[in-house]
Amino acid sequence: MSSGGAGQNKEVAKWDPGFAEQIVDRVGPLIKRYFRAEVRDLDRIPAVGGALVVSNHSGGMLTPDVLVFAPAFYKKFGFDRPLYTLGHQMIFVGPVGDLLRRAGVIEATRGNAANALRDGAVVLVFPGGDYDSYRPTFTENVIDFAGRTGYVRTAIETGVPIVPMVSIGAQETQLFLARGDSIARRIGLKKLRAEILPVSFGLPFGMSVFFPPNLPLPSKIVTRVLDPIDVTAEFGENPDIDAVDLHVRAVMQAALDELARERRFPVLG
């Protein structure tokens, strides 16, 4: 679907297909080569209309998730179909925020997501956010959204399918030791909308407590799109939000377990 209708909303109106194409052309090949990235089963995303792609989130602050997925998406669907990614408001600081919006990143509110979905766009959401992207490497293959279910409500309200997606490999780009969520609560970081104080180890800085971020190792990343879930068709007109969320996570967990069984060595894939 064309992006024309997206101009009705100030957030999605800032998407610049020409700018997105420049990023895909220049950065996409580097990311694909560095992480030996694969994106499988893109044909499971509906060819037209809005869809809410729901994924696990990996790799800490320098997560490669979107830069792995977006080039494959645009290669298949072209740049007349926008892909919007929901992002935490803290990343929209100064000129970086303007660039992110031009690339298709929008502030993660249910209103912004609903507007984009009603305009027929594909919206990518990571319900687990930073809590998920900093999960310990030793439990890397666990789907955990920290109890967040807003994505289910958004899909129901807009009448779009949920398209689950799983990714493996980015949690091996450094050694994630702990989220530090209990420490964050103890020192009151929640007042700053920060729920974690993650501890990781990598190169070139060694031990890092949230900052500075270490550079990611070239771990092989595989992303897989799963079958769409029509919430109303599968759960009725008044679906139980928790039941839908449980089903989505169960489907994702099974797929992630399958990818994990394929993986022979950490980092190497």
Protein backbone atom coordinates (compact mmCIF):
# COMPACT_ATOMS: atom_id res chain seq x y z
CA MET A 1 0.00 0.00 0.00
CA SER A 2 1.21 3.48 -0.78
CA SER A 3 2.45 5.70 2.02
CA GLY A 4 0.15 8.53 0.95
CA GLY A 5 -2.31 8.12 3.80
CA ALA A 6 0.47 8.23 6.37
CA GLY A 7 0.69 11.98 5.97
CA GLN A 8 -2.39 12.32 8.20
CA ASN A 9 -0.23 11.69 11.28
CA LYS A 10 2.70 13.94 12.17
CA GLU A 11 4.91 11.08 13.35
CA VAL A 12 4.52 8.77 10.37
CA ALA A 13 4.51 11.70 7.96
CA LYS A 14 8.21 12.18 8.65
CA TRP A 15 9.11 8.87 7.00
CA ASP A 16 11.28 9.61 3.97
CA PRO A 17 11.40 6.68 1.53
CA GLY A 18 14.39 8.16 -0.27
CA PHE A 19 16.33 8.45 2.98
CA ALA A 20 15.31 4.92 4.00
CA GLU A 21 16.56 3.66 0.65
CA GLN A 22 19.93 5.37 1.14
CA ILE A 23 20.36 3.65 4.51
CA VAL A 24 19.36 0.27 3.08
CA ASP A 25 21.73 0.66 0.12
CA ARG A 26 24.71 1.85 2.14
CA VAL A 27 24.37 0.13 5.49
CA GLY A 28 22.35 -2.95 4.58
CA PRO A 29 25.15 -4.80 2.74
CA LEU A 30 27.62 -4.08 5.56
CA ILE A 31 25.25 -5.42 8.21
CA LYS A 32 24.41 -8.48 6.13
CA ARG A 33 28.08 -9.28 5.55
CA TYR A 34 29.25 -8.55 9.10
CA PHE A 35 26.56 -10.66 10.78
CA ARG A 36 26.13 -13.14 7.88
CA ALA A 37 22.50 -12.23 8.33
CA GLU A 38 19.57 -14.28 7.05
CA VAL A 39 15.92 -13.24 7.05
CA ARG A 40 13.62 -16.18 6.34
CA ASP A 41 9.97 -16.52 5.29
CA LEU A 42 9.24 -12.87 4.49
CA ASP A 43 6.36 -14.06 2.31
CA ARG A 44 4.41 -14.71 5.52
CA ILE A 45 3.92 -10.95 5.90
CA PRO A 46 0.58 -10.09 4.22
CA ALA A 47 1.19 -8.57 0.79
CA VAL A 48 -1.18 -5.65 1.42
CA GLY A 49 -2.68 -3.87 4.39
CA GLY A 50 -1.47 -3.20 7.89
CA ALA A 51 0.35 -5.79 9.94
CA LEU A 52 1.93 -5.73 13.39
CA VAL A 53 5.24 -7.58 13.36
CA VAL A 54 6.08 -8.66 16.91
CA SER A 55 9.68 -9.69 17.61
CA ASN A 56 12.11 -10.49 20.38
CA HIS A 57 14.79 -7.83 20.82
CA SER A 58 18.50 -8.56 21.08
CA GLY A 59 21.97 -7.07 21.21
CA GLY A 60 21.78 -4.39 23.89
CA MET A 61 22.23 -0.71 23.05
CA LEU A 62 23.74 -1.41 19.61
CA THR A 63 21.01 -3.84 18.61
CA PRO A 64 21.24 -4.82 14.93
CA ASP A 65 17.65 -6.12 14.75
CA VAL A 66 16.13 -3.41 12.56
CA LEU A 67 19.18 -3.10 10.30
CA VAL A 68 18.98 -6.84 9.66
CA PHE A 69 15.24 -6.92 8.99
CA ALA A 70 14.54 -3.63 7.16
CA PRO A 71 16.76 -4.22 4.09
CA ALA A 72 15.18 -7.63 3.52
CA PHE A 73 11.69 -6.15 3.97
CA TYR A 74 12.26 -3.33 1.47
CA LYS A 75 13.92 -5.65 -1.02
CA LYS A 76 10.74 -7.72 -1.07
CA PHE A 77 8.05 -5.04 -0.77
CA GLY A 78 9.72 -1.93 -2.16
CA PHE A 79 9.90 1.60 -0.77
CA ASP A 80 6.29 2.52 -1.49
CA ARG A 81 5.29 0.39 1.50
CA PRO A 82 6.60 1.94 4.73
CA LEU A 83 8.02 -0.05 7.59
CA TYR A 84 7.72 1.74 10.92
CA THR A 85 9.62 0.67 14.02
CA LEU A 86 8.45 1.68 17.48
CA GLY A 87 11.24 3.17 19.60
CA HIS A 88 11.57 4.48 23.16
CA GLN A 89 11.17 8.26 23.42
CA MET A 90 14.69 8.59 24.91
CA ILE A 91 16.31 7.85 21.54
CA PHE A 92 14.68 10.84 19.84
CA VAL A 93 17.20 13.38 21.11
CA GLY A 94 18.32 16.32 18.96
CA PRO A 95 19.16 15.82 15.29
CA VAL A 96 19.43 12.04 15.78
CA GLY A 97 15.70 11.99 16.45
CA ASP A 98 14.96 13.67 13.12
CA LEU A 99 17.09 11.14 11.26
CA LEU A 100 15.40 8.24 13.02
CA ARG A 101 11.94 9.54 12.11
CA ARG A 102 12.98 9.95 8.48
CA ALA A 103 14.16 6.34 8.54
CA GLY A 104 10.78 5.16 9.86
CA VAL A 105 11.34 4.97 13.62
CA ILE A 106 8.40 6.44 15.53
CA GLU A 107 7.84 6.99 19.23
CA ALA A 108 6.42 3.88 20.85
CA THR A 109 2.89 4.92 21.74
CA ARG A 110 -0.22 2.91 20.99
CA GLY A 111 -1.65 5.95 19.21
CA ASN A 112 1.28 6.22 16.80
CA ALA A 113 1.19 2.49 16.13
CA ALA A 114 -2.57 2.53 15.52
CA ASN A 115 -2.36 5.46 13.10
CA ALA A 116 0.33 3.74 11.04
CA LEU A 117 -1.51 0.41 11.01
CA ARG A 118 -4.80 2.02 9.96
CA ASP A 119 -2.92 3.66 7.09
CA GLY A 120 -1.94 0.17 5.89
CA ALA A 121 1.67 0.23 7.04
CA VAL A 122 3.71 -2.56 8.57
CA VAL A 123 4.75 -1.76 12.14
CA LEU A 124 7.60 -3.54 13.90
CA VAL A 125 7.38 -3.71 17.69
CA PHE A 126 9.68 -5.18 20.31
CA PRO A 127 7.36 -5.53 23.33
CA GLY A 128 10.22 -6.52 25.64
CA GLY A 129 12.23 -3.39 24.77
CA ASP A 130 15.50 -2.91 26.64
CA TYR A 131 14.45 -5.52 29.21
CA ASP A 132 14.54 -8.08 26.40
CA SER A 133 17.60 -6.79 24.53
CA TYR A 134 19.71 -7.01 27.69
CA ARG A 135 18.58 -10.48 28.75
CA PRO A 136 21.53 -12.57 30.01
CA THR A 137 23.38 -14.45 27.29
CA PHE A 138 22.96 -17.67 29.27
CA THR A 139 19.17 -17.38 28.84
CA GLU A 140 19.34 -15.84 25.39
CA ASN A 141 16.77 -18.16 23.81
CA VAL A 142 13.86 -17.21 26.05
CA ILE A 143 10.94 -15.07 24.86
CA ASP A 144 10.23 -12.57 27.65
CA PHE A 145 8.17 -9.41 27.14
CA ALA A 146 8.25 -8.49 30.85
CA GLY A 147 4.47 -8.86 31.00
CA ARG A 148 3.79 -6.19 28.36
CA THR A 149 0.63 -6.87 26.36
CA GLY A 150 -0.17 -3.50 24.77
CA TYR A 151 0.72 -4.87 21.34
CA VAL A 152 -2.24 -7.27 21.55
CA ARG A 153 -4.67 -4.44 22.28
CA THR A 154 -3.26 -2.42 19.39
CA ALA A 155 -3.74 -5.31 16.95
CA ILE A 156 -7.31 -5.87 18.13
CA GLU A 157 -8.27 -2.20 17.99
CA THR A 158 -6.91 -1.75 14.46
CA GLY A 159 -8.07 -5.11 13.12
CA VAL A 160 -4.64 -6.12 11.79
CA PRO A 161 -2.93 -9.50 12.11
CA ILE A 162 -0.08 -10.09 14.50
CA VAL A 163 2.93 -11.44 12.61
CA PRO A 164 5.35 -13.06 15.10
CA MET A 165 9.05 -12.95 14.28
CA VAL A 166 12.06 -14.41 16.07
CA SER A 167 15.76 -13.72 15.82
CA ILE A 168 18.80 -15.54 17.15
CA GLY A 169 22.48 -14.61 17.35
CA ALA A 170 22.56 -10.97 18.48
CA GLN A 171 22.68 -11.94 22.15
CA GLU A 172 26.09 -13.45 21.40
CA THR A 173 27.56 -10.18 20.11
CA GLN A 174 28.87 -9.65 23.65
CA LEU A 175 28.45 -11.35 26.99
CA PHE A 176 25.33 -10.02 28.68
CA LEU A 177 25.67 -10.80 32.38
CA ALA A 178 22.67 -9.23 34.10
CA ARG A 179 19.84 -6.81 33.44
CA GLY A 180 20.37 -5.07 36.76
CA ASP A 181 16.62 -4.45 37.13
CA SER A 182 16.65 -4.94 40.91
CA ILE A 183 19.51 -2.44 41.26
CA ALA A 184 17.68 0.03 39.02
CA ARG A 185 14.59 -0.19 41.23
CA ARG A 186 16.67 0.21 44.38
CA ILE A 187 18.36 3.43 43.24
CA GLY A 188 15.19 4.91 41.76
CA LEU A 189 15.97 4.84 38.04
CA LYS A 190 12.31 4.20 37.28
CA LYS A 191 11.72 7.92 37.81
CA LEU A 192 13.82 8.43 34.67
CA ARG A 193 11.83 5.74 32.82
CA ALA A 194 14.84 3.42 33.10
CA GLU A 195 13.97 -0.01 34.47
CA ILE A 196 17.36 -1.70 34.10
CA LEU A 197 21.07 -1.10 34.75
CA PRO A 198 22.61 -3.81 32.58
CA VAL A 199 26.05 -5.33 33.06
CA SER A 200 27.88 -6.77 30.06
CA PHE A 201 31.38 -7.70 28.96
CA GLY A 202 32.89 -7.22 25.50
CA LEU A 203 35.34 -5.34 23.32
CA PRO A 204 36.98 -2.86 23.50
CA PHE A 205 35.89 -1.64 26.97
CA GLY A 206 35.61 -4.91 28.86
CA MET A 207 33.09 -4.66 31.69
CA SER A 208 30.31 -2.19 30.98
CA VAL A 209 27.49 -1.07 33.26
CA PHE A 210 25.11 0.19 30.58
CA PHE A 211 27.74 2.62 29.24
CA PRO A 212 29.99 2.72 27.28
CA PRO A 213 28.52 0.19 24.84
CA ASN A 214 30.96 -2.40 23.55
CA LEU A 215 31.23 -3.07 19.85
CA PRO A 216 29.27 -6.15 18.74
CA LEU A 217 31.10 -9.32 17.79
CA PRO A 218 30.29 -10.63 14.27
CA SER A 219 27.82 -13.25 15.48
CA LYS A 220 25.70 -14.94 12.83
CA ILE A 221 22.12 -13.63 13.03
CA VAL A 222 19.11 -15.50 11.69
CA THR A 223 15.65 -13.89 11.68
CA ARG A 224 12.52 -15.85 10.85
CA VAL A 225 9.01 -14.57 10.14
CA LEU A 226 6.18 -16.79 11.37
CA ASP A 227 2.59 -17.29 10.25
CA PRO A 228 0.21 -14.35 10.84
CA ILE A 229 -2.26 -14.61 13.69
CA ASP A 230 -5.78 -13.30 13.03
CA VAL A 231 -6.74 -12.55 16.62
CA THR A 232 -10.50 -12.31 16.09
CA ALA A 233 -10.65 -15.44 13.95
CA GLU A 234 -8.67 -17.47 16.48
CA PHE A 235 -9.89 -15.98 19.78
CA GLY A 236 -13.34 -14.52 19.03
CA GLU A 237 -14.83 -11.04 19.07
CA ASN A 238 -13.85 -10.34 22.68
CA PRO A 239 -10.49 -12.07 23.05
CA ASP A 240 -8.71 -12.50 26.35
CA ILE A 241 -5.62 -10.29 26.09
CA ASP A 242 -3.48 -12.53 28.29
CA ALA A 243 -4.50 -15.65 26.36
CA VAL A 244 -3.51 -14.05 23.05
CA ASP A 245 -0.19 -12.89 24.49
CA LEU A 246 0.49 -16.36 25.88
CA HIS A 247 -0.23 -17.90 22.46
CA VAL A 248 2.00 -15.41 20.62
CA ARG A 249 4.90 -16.03 23.00
CA ALA A 250 4.41 -19.81 22.83
CA VAL A 251 4.53 -19.76 19.02
CA MET A 252 7.65 -17.59 19.13
CA GLN A 253 9.31 -19.75 21.77
CA ALA A 254 8.79 -22.89 19.69
CA ALA A 255 10.31 -21.19 16.64
CA LEU A 256 13.24 -19.81 18.63
CA ASP A 257 13.90 -23.25 20.11
CA GLU A 258 13.99 -24.63 16.57
CA LEU A 259 16.53 -22.02 15.48
CA ALA A 260 18.60 -22.76 18.59
CA ARG A 261 18.72 -26.47 17.69
CA GLU A 262 20.15 -25.52 14.28
CA ARG A 263 22.93 -23.49 15.87
CA ARG A 264 26.16 -25.41 16.31
CA PHE A 265 28.48 -22.88 17.96
CA PRO A 266 28.11 -19.48 19.68
CA VAL A 267 28.97 -16.51 17.44
CA LEU A 268 29.90 -18.80 14.53
CA GLY A 269 26.33 -20.00 14.12
